[in-house]
Amino acid sequence: MKRVEITDKAAEVVKQLKTKHGDLIFHQSGGCCDGSAPMIFEKGDMYLDESDILLGNVEGVDFYMNQDQYEYWKHTHLTVDVTEGRGASFSLEIPLGLRFLIHSRLLTEEEASFFNPK
C-alpha cells in the first residue's frame, strides 16, 4: 500500500531530472511563496531534520513532508503530477517550463487504518 504515487507523465520528468542531476528528493512544501507544492531537489540541497516525515518513494525518489504540513494532509493519499507553467520556486523542473503539483483524495478506510493506526 502506497501513500504517495506518481503519474506516468510526472515520472518521465523525474527520470529526465535524475539523468541530469543524480540523486533527488521530493519535499512537499507548505511555504508562503509556493503555496503547497511538491518540489524536487538534488539530494543534499534540501536540509531535512527530525520534523520532516518520509511518506514514501516515487520513481526512486524519497518524498518528504514537514510534520506541521503532514497534520493537514495525514488523511489523504497523494499523487504527484506535472503541468505546464512556471512555478515560483527553486524546484528543478522549473527551467523546463513545468511544475509539479499534487492531486489528493481522502484515504479509504483500509488505507486510514494502515497509515494512521489508533
PDB file of N, CA and C in Angstrom:
ATOM      1  N   MET A   1       0.847  -1.171   0.000  1.00  0.00           N
ATOM      2  CA  MET A   1       0.000   0.000   0.000  1.00  0.00           C
ATOM      3  C   MET A   1       0.896   1.239   0.000  1.00  0.00           C
ATOM      4  N   LYS A   2       0.609   2.171  -0.901  1.00  0.00           N
ATOM      5  CA  LYS A   2       1.433   3.368  -1.024  1.00  0.00           C
ATOM      6  C   LYS A   2       0.646   4.604  -0.600  1.00  0.00           C
ATOM      7  N   ARG A   3       1.337   5.503   0.045  1.00  0.00           N
ATOM      8  CA  ARG A   3       0.745   6.770   0.472  1.00  0.00           C
ATOM      9  C   ARG A   3       0.910   7.841  -0.599  1.00  0.00           C
ATOM     10  N   VAL A   4       1.983   7.706  -1.404  1.00  0.00           N
ATOM     11  CA  VAL A   4       2.292   8.667  -2.460  1.00  0.00           C
ATOM     12  C   VAL A   4       2.538   7.900  -3.748  1.00  0.00           C
ATOM     13  N   GLU A   5       1.920   8.355  -4.817  1.00  0.00           N
ATOM     14  CA  GLU A   5       2.146   7.767  -6.144  1.00  0.00           C
ATOM     15  C   GLU A   5       2.495   8.880  -7.123  1.00  0.00           C
ATOM     16  N   ILE A   6       2.737   8.510  -8.365  1.00  0.00           N
ATOM     17  CA  ILE A   6       3.157   9.487  -9.366  1.00  0.00           C
ATOM     18  C   ILE A   6       2.526   9.114 -10.704  1.00  0.00           C
ATOM     19  N   THR A   7       2.137  10.118 -11.474  1.00  0.00           N
ATOM     20  CA  THR A   7       1.591   9.855 -12.802  1.00  0.00           C
ATOM     21  C   THR A   7       2.727   9.484 -13.751  1.00  0.00           C
ATOM     22  N   ASP A   8       2.383   8.845 -14.857  1.00  0.00           N
ATOM     23  CA  ASP A   8       3.395   8.477 -15.852  1.00  0.00           C
ATOM     24  C   ASP A   8       4.106   9.711 -16.396  1.00  0.00           C
ATOM     25  N   LYS A   9       3.354  10.770 -16.657  1.00  0.00           N
ATOM     26  CA  LYS A   9       3.931  12.000 -17.205  1.00  0.00           C
ATOM     27  C   LYS A   9       4.939  12.610 -16.222  1.00  0.00           C
ATOM     28  N   ALA A  10       4.574  12.656 -14.936  1.00  0.00           N
ATOM     29  CA  ALA A  10       5.489  13.192 -13.924  1.00  0.00           C
ATOM     30  C   ALA A  10       6.700  12.282 -13.753  1.00  0.00           C
ATOM     31  N   ALA A  11       6.499  10.966 -13.845  1.00  0.00           N
ATOM     32  CA  ALA A  11       7.608  10.020 -13.721  1.00  0.00           C
ATOM     33  C   ALA A  11       8.637  10.246 -14.830  1.00  0.00           C
ATOM     34  N   GLU A  12       8.183  10.556 -16.029  1.00  0.00           N
ATOM     35  CA  GLU A  12       9.105  10.835 -17.133  1.00  0.00           C
ATOM     36  C   GLU A  12       9.956  12.062 -16.843  1.00  0.00           C
ATOM     37  N   VAL A  13       9.347  13.094 -16.252  1.00  0.00           N
ATOM     38  CA  VAL A  13      10.101  14.297 -15.898  1.00  0.00           C
ATOM     39  C   VAL A  13      11.123  13.969 -14.812  1.00  0.00           C
ATOM     40  N   VAL A  14      10.738  13.169 -13.835  1.00  0.00           N
ATOM     41  CA  VAL A  14      11.664  12.769 -12.770  1.00  0.00           C
ATOM     42  C   VAL A  14      12.851  12.005 -13.369  1.00  0.00           C
ATOM     43  N   LYS A  15      12.589  11.101 -14.290  1.00  0.00           N
ATOM     44  CA  LYS A  15      13.686  10.361 -14.940  1.00  0.00           C
ATOM     45  C   LYS A  15      14.648  11.320 -15.630  1.00  0.00           C
ATOM     46  N   GLN A  16      14.105  12.293 -16.332  1.00  0.00           N
ATOM     47  CA  GLN A  16      14.923  13.286 -17.026  1.00  0.00           C
ATOM     48  C   GLN A  16      15.771  14.071 -16.014  1.00  0.00           C
ATOM     49  N   LEU A  17      15.182  14.464 -14.903  1.00  0.00           N
ATOM     50  CA  LEU A  17      15.908  15.226 -13.890  1.00  0.00           C
ATOM     51  C   LEU A  17      16.975  14.376 -13.204  1.00  0.00           C
ATOM     52  N   LYS A  18      16.689  13.101 -12.977  1.00  0.00           N
ATOM     53  CA  LYS A  18      17.674  12.201 -12.372  1.00  0.00           C
ATOM     54  C   LYS A  18      18.875  12.028 -13.283  1.00  0.00           C
ATOM     55  N   THR A  19      18.642  11.946 -14.582  1.00  0.00           N
ATOM     56  CA  THR A  19      19.741  11.818 -15.542  1.00  0.00           C
ATOM     57  C   THR A  19      20.655  13.036 -15.476  1.00  0.00           C
ATOM     58  N   LYS A  20      20.057  14.199 -15.344  1.00  0.00           N
ATOM     59  CA  LYS A  20      20.833  15.439 -15.328  1.00  0.00           C
ATOM     60  C   LYS A  20      21.458  15.728 -13.962  1.00  0.00           C
ATOM     61  N   HIS A  21      20.717  15.447 -12.868  1.00  0.00           N
ATOM     62  CA  HIS A  21      21.139  15.903 -11.545  1.00  0.00           C
ATOM     63  C   HIS A  21      21.560  14.802 -10.572  1.00  0.00           C
ATOM     64  N   GLY A  22      21.330  13.544 -10.909  1.00  0.00           N
ATOM     65  CA  GLY A  22      21.692  12.461  -9.986  1.00  0.00           C
ATOM     66  C   GLY A  22      20.594  12.199  -8.967  1.00  0.00           C
ATOM     67  N   ASP A  23      20.991  11.833  -7.750  1.00  0.00           N
ATOM     68  CA  ASP A  23      20.031  11.509  -6.694  1.00  0.00           C
ATOM     69  C   ASP A  23      19.217  12.737  -6.311  1.00  0.00           C
ATOM     70  N   LEU A  24      17.914  12.519  -6.116  1.00  0.00           N
ATOM     71  CA  LEU A  24      16.979  13.609  -5.848  1.00  0.00           C
ATOM     72  C   LEU A  24      16.116  13.303  -4.637  1.00  0.00           C
ATOM     73  N   ILE A  25      15.453  14.339  -4.120  1.00  0.00           N
ATOM     74  CA  ILE A  25      14.404  14.174  -3.114  1.00  0.00           C
ATOM     75  C   ILE A  25      13.236  15.090  -3.465  1.00  0.00           C
ATOM     76  N   PHE A  26      12.037  14.646  -3.108  1.00  0.00           N
ATOM     77  CA  PHE A  26      10.855  15.497  -3.161  1.00  0.00           C
ATOM     78  C   PHE A  26      10.596  16.018  -1.758  1.00  0.00           C
ATOM     79  N   HIS A  27      10.121  17.250  -1.670  1.00  0.00           N
ATOM     80  CA  HIS A  27       9.661  17.805  -0.400  1.00  0.00           C
ATOM     81  C   HIS A  27       8.373  18.559  -0.678  1.00  0.00           C
ATOM     82  N   GLN A  28       7.322  18.170   0.026  1.00  0.00           N
ATOM     83  CA  GLN A  28       6.028  18.850  -0.106  1.00  0.00           C
ATOM     84  C   GLN A  28       6.083  20.096   0.753  1.00  0.00           C
ATOM     85  N   SER A  29       6.141  21.235   0.094  1.00  0.00           N
ATOM     86  CA  SER A  29       6.271  22.480   0.840  1.00  0.00           C
ATOM     87  C   SER A  29       4.934  22.905   1.417  1.00  0.00           C
ATOM     88  N   GLY A  30       5.007  23.684   2.434  1.00  0.00           N
ATOM     89  CA  GLY A  30       3.830  24.337   2.990  1.00  0.00           C
ATOM     90  C   GLY A  30       4.120  25.809   3.082  1.00  0.00           C
ATOM     91  N   GLY A  31       5.025  26.259   2.235  1.00  0.00           N
ATOM     92  CA  GLY A  31       5.540  27.619   2.320  1.00  0.00           C
ATOM     93  C   GLY A  31       4.569  28.678   1.849  1.00  0.00           C
ATOM     94  N   CYS A  32       4.908  29.900   2.172  1.00  0.00           N
ATOM     95  CA  CYS A  32       4.049  31.033   1.834  1.00  0.00           C
ATOM     96  C   CYS A  32       4.147  31.382   0.352  1.00  0.00           C
ATOM     97  N   CYS A  33       5.314  31.331  -0.213  1.00  0.00           N
ATOM     98  CA  CYS A  33       5.507  31.797  -1.592  1.00  0.00           C
ATOM     99  C   CYS A  33       5.007  30.806  -2.629  1.00  0.00           C
ATOM    100  N   ASP A  34       5.201  29.521  -2.382  1.00  0.00           N
ATOM    101  CA  ASP A  34       4.842  28.499  -3.354  1.00  0.00           C
ATOM    102  C   ASP A  34       3.499  27.856  -3.042  1.00  0.00           C
ATOM    103  N   GLY A  35       2.837  28.330  -2.020  1.00  0.00           N
ATOM    104  CA  GLY A  35       1.650  27.625  -1.585  1.00  0.00           C
ATOM    105  C   GLY A  35       2.092  26.270  -1.075  1.00  0.00           C
ATOM    106  N   SER A  36       1.350  25.264  -1.402  1.00  0.00           N
ATOM    107  CA  SER A  36       1.730  23.916  -1.005  1.00  0.00           C
ATOM    108  C   SER A  36       2.009  23.137  -2.278  1.00  0.00           C
ATOM    109  N   ALA A  37       3.275  23.006  -2.589  1.00  0.00           N
ATOM    110  CA  ALA A  37       3.669  22.377  -3.848  1.00  0.00           C
ATOM    111  C   ALA A  37       4.767  21.360  -3.618  1.00  0.00           C
ATOM    112  N   PRO A  38       4.734  20.248  -4.358  1.00  0.00           N
ATOM    113  CA  PRO A  38       5.852  19.307  -4.270  1.00  0.00           C
ATOM    114  C   PRO A  38       7.040  19.878  -5.037  1.00  0.00           C
ATOM    115  N   MET A  39       8.171  19.925  -4.378  1.00  0.00           N
ATOM    116  CA  MET A  39       9.375  20.442  -5.020  1.00  0.00           C
ATOM    117  C   MET A  39      10.426  19.343  -5.026  1.00  0.00           C
ATOM    118  N   ILE A  40      11.240  19.327  -6.076  1.00  0.00           N
ATOM    119  CA  ILE A  40      12.273  18.311  -6.219  1.00  0.00           C
ATOM    120  C   ILE A  40      13.635  18.994  -6.225  1.00  0.00           C
ATOM    121  N   PHE A  41      14.548  18.421  -5.454  1.00  0.00           N
ATOM    122  CA  PHE A  41      15.881  18.987  -5.284  1.00  0.00           C
ATOM    123  C   PHE A  41      16.928  17.896  -5.436  1.00  0.00           C
ATOM    124  N   GLU A  42      18.164  18.315  -5.717  1.00  0.00           N
ATOM    125  CA  GLU A  42      19.269  17.369  -5.649  1.00  0.00           C
ATOM    126  C   GLU A  42      19.398  16.933  -4.192  1.00  0.00           C
ATOM    127  N   LYS A  43      19.632  15.648  -4.000  1.00  0.00           N
ATOM    128  CA  LYS A  43      19.798  15.133  -2.643  1.00  0.00           C
ATOM    129  C   LYS A  43      20.956  15.879  -1.985  1.00  0.00           C
ATOM    130  N   GLY A  44      20.717  16.398  -0.807  1.00  0.00           N
ATOM    131  CA  GLY A  44      21.727  17.173  -0.097  1.00  0.00           C
ATOM    132  C   GLY A  44      21.531  18.674  -0.226  1.00  0.00           C
ATOM    133  N   ASP A  45      20.722  19.124  -1.185  1.00  0.00           N
ATOM    134  CA  ASP A  45      20.468  20.556  -1.343  1.00  0.00           C
ATOM    135  C   ASP A  45      19.328  21.056  -0.467  1.00  0.00           C
ATOM    136  N   MET A  46      18.579  20.137   0.118  1.00  0.00           N
ATOM    137  CA  MET A  46      17.454  20.494   0.987  1.00  0.00           C
ATOM    138  C   MET A  46      17.780  19.983   2.378  1.00  0.00           C
ATOM    139  N   TYR A  47      17.793  20.884   3.350  1.00  0.00           N
ATOM    140  CA  TYR A  47      18.084  20.488   4.727  1.00  0.00           C
ATOM    141  C   TYR A  47      16.856  19.794   5.303  1.00  0.00           C
ATOM    142  N   LEU A  48      17.014  18.549   5.683  1.00  0.00           N
ATOM    143  CA  LEU A  48      15.957  17.785   6.337  1.00  0.00           C
ATOM    144  C   LEU A  48      16.344  17.604   7.801  1.00  0.00           C
ATOM    145  N   ASP A  49      15.346  17.629   8.675  1.00  0.00           N
ATOM    146  CA  ASP A  49      15.612  17.371  10.082  1.00  0.00           C
ATOM    147  C   ASP A  49      14.529  16.451  10.645  1.00  0.00           C
ATOM    148  N   GLU A  50      14.509  16.293  11.958  1.00  0.00           N
ATOM    149  CA  GLU A  50      13.567  15.346  12.578  1.00  0.00           C
ATOM    150  C   GLU A  50      12.116  15.755  12.396  1.00  0.00           C
ATOM    151  N   SER A  51      11.851  16.978  11.950  1.00  0.00           N
ATOM    152  CA  SER A  51      10.462  17.397  11.717  1.00  0.00           C
ATOM    153  C   SER A  51       9.961  17.019  10.322  1.00  0.00           C
ATOM    154  N   ASP A  52      10.830  16.447   9.484  1.00  0.00           N
ATOM    155  CA  ASP A  52      10.427  16.013   8.146  1.00  0.00           C
ATOM    156  C   ASP A  52      10.110  14.525   8.164  1.00  0.00           C
ATOM    157  N   ILE A  53       8.981  14.184   7.591  1.00  0.00           N
ATOM    158  CA  ILE A  53       8.483  12.810   7.600  1.00  0.00           C
ATOM    159  C   ILE A  53       8.620  12.214   6.203  1.00  0.00           C
ATOM    160  N   LEU A  54       9.197  11.023   6.126  1.00  0.00           N
ATOM    161  CA  LEU A  54       9.287  10.295   4.859  1.00  0.00           C
ATOM    162  C   LEU A  54       7.949   9.601   4.616  1.00  0.00           C
ATOM    163  N   LEU A  55       7.244  10.017   3.556  1.00  0.00           N
ATOM    164  CA  LEU A  55       5.934   9.444   3.239  1.00  0.00           C
ATOM    165  C   LEU A  55       6.013   8.291   2.256  1.00  0.00           C
ATOM    166  N   GLY A  56       7.095   8.210   1.528  1.00  0.00           N
ATOM    167  CA  GLY A  56       7.215   7.139   0.545  1.00  0.00           C
ATOM    168  C   GLY A  56       8.286   7.454  -0.472  1.00  0.00           C
ATOM    169  N   ASN A  57       8.246   6.703  -1.561  1.00  0.00           N
ATOM    170  CA  ASN A  57       9.226   6.832  -2.619  1.00  0.00           C
ATOM    171  C   ASN A  57       8.496   6.723  -3.947  1.00  0.00           C
ATOM    172  N   VAL A  58       8.748   7.678  -4.826  1.00  0.00           N
ATOM    173  CA  VAL A  58       8.153   7.639  -6.164  1.00  0.00           C
ATOM    174  C   VAL A  58       9.256   7.737  -7.196  1.00  0.00           C
ATOM    175  N   GLU A  59       9.248   6.819  -8.118  1.00  0.00           N
ATOM    176  CA  GLU A  59      10.236   6.799  -9.204  1.00  0.00           C
ATOM    177  C   GLU A  59      11.664   6.843  -8.659  1.00  0.00           C
ATOM    178  N   GLY A  60      11.890   6.155  -7.515  1.00  0.00           N
ATOM    179  CA  GLY A  60      13.217   6.105  -6.923  1.00  0.00           C
ATOM    180  C   GLY A  60      13.615   7.350  -6.154  1.00  0.00           C
ATOM    181  N   VAL A  61      12.663   8.225  -5.865  1.00  0.00           N
ATOM    182  CA  VAL A  61      12.931   9.482  -5.168  1.00  0.00           C
ATOM    183  C   VAL A  61      12.119   9.514  -3.870  1.00  0.00           C
ATOM    184  N   ASP A  62      12.807   9.681  -2.742  1.00  0.00           N
ATOM    185  CA  ASP A  62      12.111   9.784  -1.462  1.00  0.00           C
ATOM    186  C   ASP A  62      11.247  11.045  -1.430  1.00  0.00           C
ATOM    187  N   PHE A  63      10.058  10.917  -0.824  1.00  0.00           N
ATOM    188  CA  PHE A  63       9.097  12.010  -0.751  1.00  0.00           C
ATOM    189  C   PHE A  63       8.882  12.369   0.717  1.00  0.00           C
ATOM    190  N   TYR A  64       9.268  13.598   1.085  1.00  0.00           N
ATOM    191  CA  TYR A  64       9.182  14.078   2.457  1.00  0.00           C
ATOM    192  C   TYR A  64       8.144  15.183   2.597  1.00  0.00           C
ATOM    193  N   MET A  65       7.645  15.330   3.815  1.00  0.00           N
ATOM    194  CA  MET A  65       6.746  16.414   4.155  1.00  0.00           C
ATOM    195  C   MET A  65       7.051  16.839   5.585  1.00  0.00           C
ATOM    196  N   ASN A  66       7.020  18.142   5.839  1.00  0.00           N
ATOM    197  CA  ASN A  66       7.233  18.624   7.191  1.00  0.00           C
ATOM    198  C   ASN A  66       6.085  18.181   8.085  1.00  0.00           C
ATOM    199  N   GLN A  67       6.400  17.868   9.313  1.00  0.00           N
ATOM    200  CA  GLN A  67       5.421  17.343  10.271  1.00  0.00           C
ATOM    201  C   GLN A  67       4.213  18.266  10.430  1.00  0.00           C
ATOM    202  N   ASP A  68       4.426  19.578  10.474  1.00  0.00           N
ATOM    203  CA  ASP A  68       3.306  20.510  10.606  1.00  0.00           C
ATOM    204  C   ASP A  68       2.378  20.422   9.397  1.00  0.00           C
ATOM    205  N   GLN A  69       2.954  20.341   8.208  1.00  0.00           N
ATOM    206  CA  GLN A  69       2.162  20.205   6.982  1.00  0.00           C
ATOM    207  C   GLN A  69       1.445  18.855   6.972  1.00  0.00           C
ATOM    208  N   TYR A  70       2.133  17.832   7.452  1.00  0.00           N
ATOM    209  CA  TYR A  70       1.564  16.488   7.492  1.00  0.00           C
ATOM    210  C   TYR A  70       0.277  16.450   8.312  1.00  0.00           C
ATOM    211  N   GLU A  71       0.198  17.212   9.358  1.00  0.00           N
ATOM    212  CA  GLU A  71      -1.016  17.237  10.189  1.00  0.00           C
ATOM    213  C   GLU A  71      -2.248  17.592   9.363  1.00  0.00           C
ATOM    214  N   TYR A  72      -2.082  18.439   8.367  1.00  0.00           N
ATOM    215  CA  TYR A  72      -3.200  18.808   7.486  1.00  0.00           C
ATOM    216  C   TYR A  72      -3.495  17.744   6.434  1.00  0.00           C
ATOM    217  N   TRP A  73      -2.470  16.972   6.056  1.00  0.00           N
ATOM    218  CA  TRP A  73      -2.577  16.041   4.933  1.00  0.00           C
ATOM    219  C   TRP A  73      -2.640  14.571   5.358  1.00  0.00           C
ATOM    220  N   LYS A  74      -2.596  14.271   6.646  1.00  0.00           N
ATOM    221  CA  LYS A  74      -2.454  12.884   7.092  1.00  0.00           C
ATOM    222  C   LYS A  74      -3.639  11.991   6.728  1.00  0.00           C
ATOM    223  N   HIS A  75      -4.737  12.566   6.331  1.00  0.00           N
ATOM    224  CA  HIS A  75      -5.913  11.782   5.954  1.00  0.00           C
ATOM    225  C   HIS A  75      -6.045  11.633   4.435  1.00  0.00           C
ATOM    226  N   THR A  76      -4.958  11.955   3.717  1.00  0.00           N
ATOM    227  CA  THR A  76      -5.034  11.952   2.261  1.00  0.00           C
ATOM    228  C   THR A  76      -3.988  11.060   1.604  1.00  0.00           C
ATOM    229  N   HIS A  77      -4.345  10.591   0.421  1.00  0.00           N
ATOM    230  CA  HIS A  77      -3.426   9.890  -0.474  1.00  0.00           C
ATOM    231  C   HIS A  77      -2.981  10.929  -1.492  1.00  0.00           C
ATOM    232  N   LEU A  78      -1.702  10.953  -1.819  1.00  0.00           N
ATOM    233  CA  LEU A  78      -1.154  11.972  -2.712  1.00  0.00           C
ATOM    234  C   LEU A  78      -0.677  11.354  -4.021  1.00  0.00           C
ATOM    235  N   THR A  79      -0.920  12.056  -5.108  1.00  0.00           N
ATOM    236  CA  THR A  79      -0.400  11.669  -6.413  1.00  0.00           C
ATOM    237  C   THR A  79       0.341  12.861  -6.998  1.00  0.00           C
ATOM    238  N   VAL A  80       1.625  12.670  -7.282  1.00  0.00           N
ATOM    239  CA  VAL A  80       2.447  13.711  -7.894  1.00  0.00           C
ATOM    240  C   VAL A  80       2.130  13.740  -9.385  1.00  0.00           C
ATOM    241  N   ASP A  81       1.868  14.937  -9.891  1.00  0.00           N
ATOM    242  CA  ASP A  81       1.612  15.133 -11.316  1.00  0.00           C
ATOM    243  C   ASP A  81       2.457  16.319 -11.763  1.00  0.00           C
ATOM    244  N   VAL A  82       2.405  16.617 -13.039  1.00  0.00           N
ATOM    245  CA  VAL A  82       3.158  17.739 -13.594  1.00  0.00           C
ATOM    246  C   VAL A  82       2.259  18.464 -14.588  1.00  0.00           C
ATOM    247  N   THR A  83       2.456  19.762 -14.703  1.00  0.00           N
ATOM    248  CA  THR A  83       1.688  20.564 -15.645  1.00  0.00           C
ATOM    249  C   THR A  83       2.595  21.627 -16.246  1.00  0.00           C
ATOM    250  N   GLU A  84       2.183  22.170 -17.363  1.00  0.00           N
ATOM    251  CA  GLU A  84       2.954  23.247 -17.974  1.00  0.00           C
ATOM    252  C   GLU A  84       2.767  24.515 -17.163  1.00  0.00           C
ATOM    253  N   GLY A  85       3.781  25.343 -17.165  1.00  0.00           N
ATOM    254  CA  GLY A  85       3.735  26.601 -16.426  1.00  0.00           C
ATOM    255  C   GLY A  85       4.870  26.664 -15.435  1.00  0.00           C
ATOM    256  N   ARG A  86       5.268  27.863 -15.151  1.00  0.00           N
ATOM    257  CA  ARG A  86       6.391  28.056 -14.230  1.00  0.00           C
ATOM    258  C   ARG A  86       5.865  28.328 -12.837  1.00  0.00           C
ATOM    259  N   GLY A  87       6.292  27.513 -11.904  1.00  0.00           N
ATOM    260  CA  GLY A  87       6.011  27.790 -10.507  1.00  0.00           C
ATOM    261  C   GLY A  87       7.045  28.767  -9.989  1.00  0.00           C
ATOM    262  N   ALA A  88       6.771  29.365  -8.858  1.00  0.00           N
ATOM    263  CA  ALA A  88       7.696  30.329  -8.259  1.00  0.00           C
ATOM    264  C   ALA A  88       8.509  29.623  -7.187  1.00  0.00           C
ATOM    265  N   SER A  89       9.415  28.750  -7.601  1.00  0.00           N
ATOM    266  CA  SER A  89      10.201  28.015  -6.619  1.00  0.00           C
ATOM    267  C   SER A  89      11.583  27.697  -7.172  1.00  0.00           C
ATOM    268  N   PHE A  90      12.351  27.011  -6.341  1.00  0.00           N
ATOM    269  CA  PHE A  90      13.691  26.578  -6.723  1.00  0.00           C
ATOM    270  C   PHE A  90      13.694  25.128  -7.185  1.00  0.00           C
ATOM    271  N   SER A  91      12.529  24.562  -7.401  1.00  0.00           N
ATOM    272  CA  SER A  91      12.403  23.172  -7.800  1.00  0.00           C
ATOM    273  C   SER A  91      13.032  22.955  -9.178  1.00  0.00           C
ATOM    274  N   LEU A  92      13.650  21.801  -9.372  1.00  0.00           N
ATOM    275  CA  LEU A  92      14.462  21.540 -10.567  1.00  0.00           C
ATOM    276  C   LEU A  92      13.680  21.485 -11.881  1.00  0.00           C
ATOM    277  N   GLU A  93      12.380  21.272 -11.841  1.00  0.00           N
ATOM    278  CA  GLU A  93      11.608  21.207 -13.087  1.00  0.00           C
ATOM    279  C   GLU A  93      11.260  22.580 -13.655  1.00  0.00           C
ATOM    280  N   ILE A  94      11.414  23.630 -12.875  1.00  0.00           N
ATOM    281  CA  ILE A  94      11.007  24.975 -13.285  1.00  0.00           C
ATOM    282  C   ILE A  94      11.677  25.414 -14.599  1.00  0.00           C
ATOM    283  N   PRO A  95      12.991  25.222 -14.787  1.00  0.00           N
ATOM    284  CA  PRO A  95      13.604  25.638 -16.058  1.00  0.00           C
ATOM    285  C   PRO A  95      13.042  24.903 -17.288  1.00  0.00           C
ATOM    286  N   LEU A  96      12.345  23.785 -17.072  1.00  0.00           N
ATOM    287  CA  LEU A  96      11.740  23.050 -18.189  1.00  0.00           C
ATOM    288  C   LEU A  96      10.385  23.630 -18.579  1.00  0.00           C
ATOM    289  N   GLY A  97       9.956  24.676 -17.880  1.00  0.00           N
ATOM    290  CA  GLY A  97       8.637  25.259 -18.154  1.00  0.00           C
ATOM    291  C   GLY A  97       7.518  24.409 -17.576  1.00  0.00           C
ATOM    292  N   LEU A  98       7.841  23.624 -16.556  1.00  0.00           N
ATOM    293  CA  LEU A  98       6.887  22.717 -15.922  1.00  0.00           C
ATOM    294  C   LEU A  98       6.871  22.969 -14.424  1.00  0.00           C
ATOM    295  N   ARG A  99       5.834  22.450 -13.785  1.00  0.00           N
ATOM    296  CA  ARG A  99       5.811  22.462 -12.324  1.00  0.00           C
ATOM    297  C   ARG A  99       5.057  21.243 -11.836  1.00  0.00           C
ATOM    298  N   PHE A 100       5.566  20.677 -10.758  1.00  0.00           N
ATOM    299  CA  PHE A 100       4.892  19.546 -10.138  1.00  0.00           C
ATOM    300  C   PHE A 100       3.704  20.059  -9.331  1.00  0.00           C
ATOM    301  N   LEU A 101       2.696  19.226  -9.216  1.00  0.00           N
ATOM    302  CA  LEU A 101       1.541  19.532  -8.391  1.00  0.00           C
ATOM    303  C   LEU A 101       1.049  18.247  -7.761  1.00  0.00           C
ATOM    304  N   ILE A 102       0.167  18.388  -6.780  1.00  0.00           N
ATOM    305  CA  ILE A 102      -0.366  17.235  -6.050  1.00  0.00           C
ATOM    306  C   ILE A 102      -1.860  17.123  -6.292  1.00  0.00           C
ATOM    307  N   HIS A 103      -2.291  15.908  -6.591  1.00  0.00           N
ATOM    308  CA  HIS A 103      -3.708  15.561  -6.556  1.00  0.00           C
ATOM    309  C   HIS A 103      -3.890  14.767  -5.269  1.00  0.00           C
ATOM    310  N   SER A 104      -4.902  15.099  -4.509  1.00  0.00           N
ATOM    311  CA  SER A 104      -5.111  14.373  -3.263  1.00  0.00           C
ATOM    312  C   SER A 104      -6.547  13.856  -3.195  1.00  0.00           C
ATOM    313  N   ARG A 105      -6.697  12.797  -2.428  1.00  0.00           N
ATOM    314  CA  ARG A 105      -8.014  12.243  -2.136  1.00  0.00           C
ATOM    315  C   ARG A 105      -7.971  11.723  -0.714  1.00  0.00           C
ATOM    316  N   LEU A 106      -9.129  11.608  -0.094  1.00  0.00           N
ATOM    317  CA  LEU A 106      -9.175  11.048   1.244  1.00  0.00           C
ATOM    318  C   LEU A 106      -8.762   9.588   1.201  1.00  0.00           C
ATOM    319  N   LEU A 107      -8.093   9.146   2.245  1.00  0.00           N
ATOM    320  CA  LEU A 107      -7.731   7.738   2.356  1.00  0.00           C
ATOM    321  C   LEU A 107      -8.995   6.895   2.486  1.00  0.00           C
ATOM    322  N   THR A 108      -8.949   5.710   1.926  1.00  0.00           N
ATOM    323  CA  THR A 108     -10.034   4.756   2.154  1.00  0.00           C
ATOM    324  C   THR A 108      -9.962   4.314   3.617  1.00  0.00           C
ATOM    325  N   GLU A 109     -10.997   3.646   4.097  1.00  0.00           N
ATOM    326  CA  GLU A 109     -10.976   3.158   5.482  1.00  0.00           C
ATOM    327  C   GLU A 109      -9.802   2.209   5.699  1.00  0.00           C
ATOM    328  N   GLU A 110      -9.555   1.337   4.723  1.00  0.00           N
ATOM    329  CA  GLU A 110      -8.436   0.400   4.834  1.00  0.00           C
ATOM    330  C   GLU A 110      -7.101   1.134   4.883  1.00  0.00           C
ATOM    331  N   GLU A 111      -6.913   2.131   4.009  1.00  0.00           N
ATOM    332  CA  GLU A 111      -5.675   2.912   3.995  1.00  0.00           C
ATOM    333  C   GLU A 111      -5.514   3.681   5.306  1.00  0.00           C
ATOM    334  N   ALA A 112      -6.599   4.278   5.785  1.00  0.00           N
ATOM    335  CA  ALA A 112      -6.547   5.063   7.026  1.00  0.00           C
ATOM    336  C   ALA A 112      -6.119   4.178   8.195  1.00  0.00           C
ATOM    337  N   SER A 113      -6.646   2.978   8.267  1.00  0.00           N
ATOM    338  CA  SER A 113      -6.266   2.045   9.334  1.00  0.00           C
ATOM    339  C   SER A 113      -4.793   1.655   9.233  1.00  0.00           C
ATOM    340  N   PHE A 114      -4.314   1.513   8.011  1.00  0.00           N
ATOM    341  CA  PHE A 114      -2.921   1.117   7.789  1.00  0.00           C
ATOM    342  C   PHE A 114      -1.956   2.272   8.109  1.00  0.00           C
ATOM    343  N   PHE A 115      -2.236   3.464   7.569  1.00  0.00           N
ATOM    344  CA  PHE A 115      -1.315   4.585   7.694  1.00  0.00           C
ATOM    345  C   PHE A 115      -1.453   5.358   9.015  1.00  0.00           C
ATOM    346  N   ASN A 116      -2.645   5.368   9.577  1.00  0.00           N
ATOM    347  CA  ASN A 116      -2.904   6.140  10.795  1.00  0.00           C
ATOM    348  C   ASN A 116      -3.548   5.261  11.866  1.00  0.00           C
ATOM    349  N   PRO A 117      -2.846   4.220  12.300  1.00  0.00           N
ATOM    350  CA  PRO A 117      -3.463   3.335  13.309  1.00  0.00           C
ATOM    351  C   PRO A 117      -3.714   4.098  14.608  1.00  0.00           C
ATOM    352  N   LYS A 118      -4.777   3.709  15.274  1.00  0.00           N
ATOM    353  CA  LYS A 118      -5.134   4.403  16.530  1.00  0.00           C
ATOM    354  C   LYS A 118      -4.526   3.753  17.714  1.00  0.00           C
TER     355      LYS A 118
END
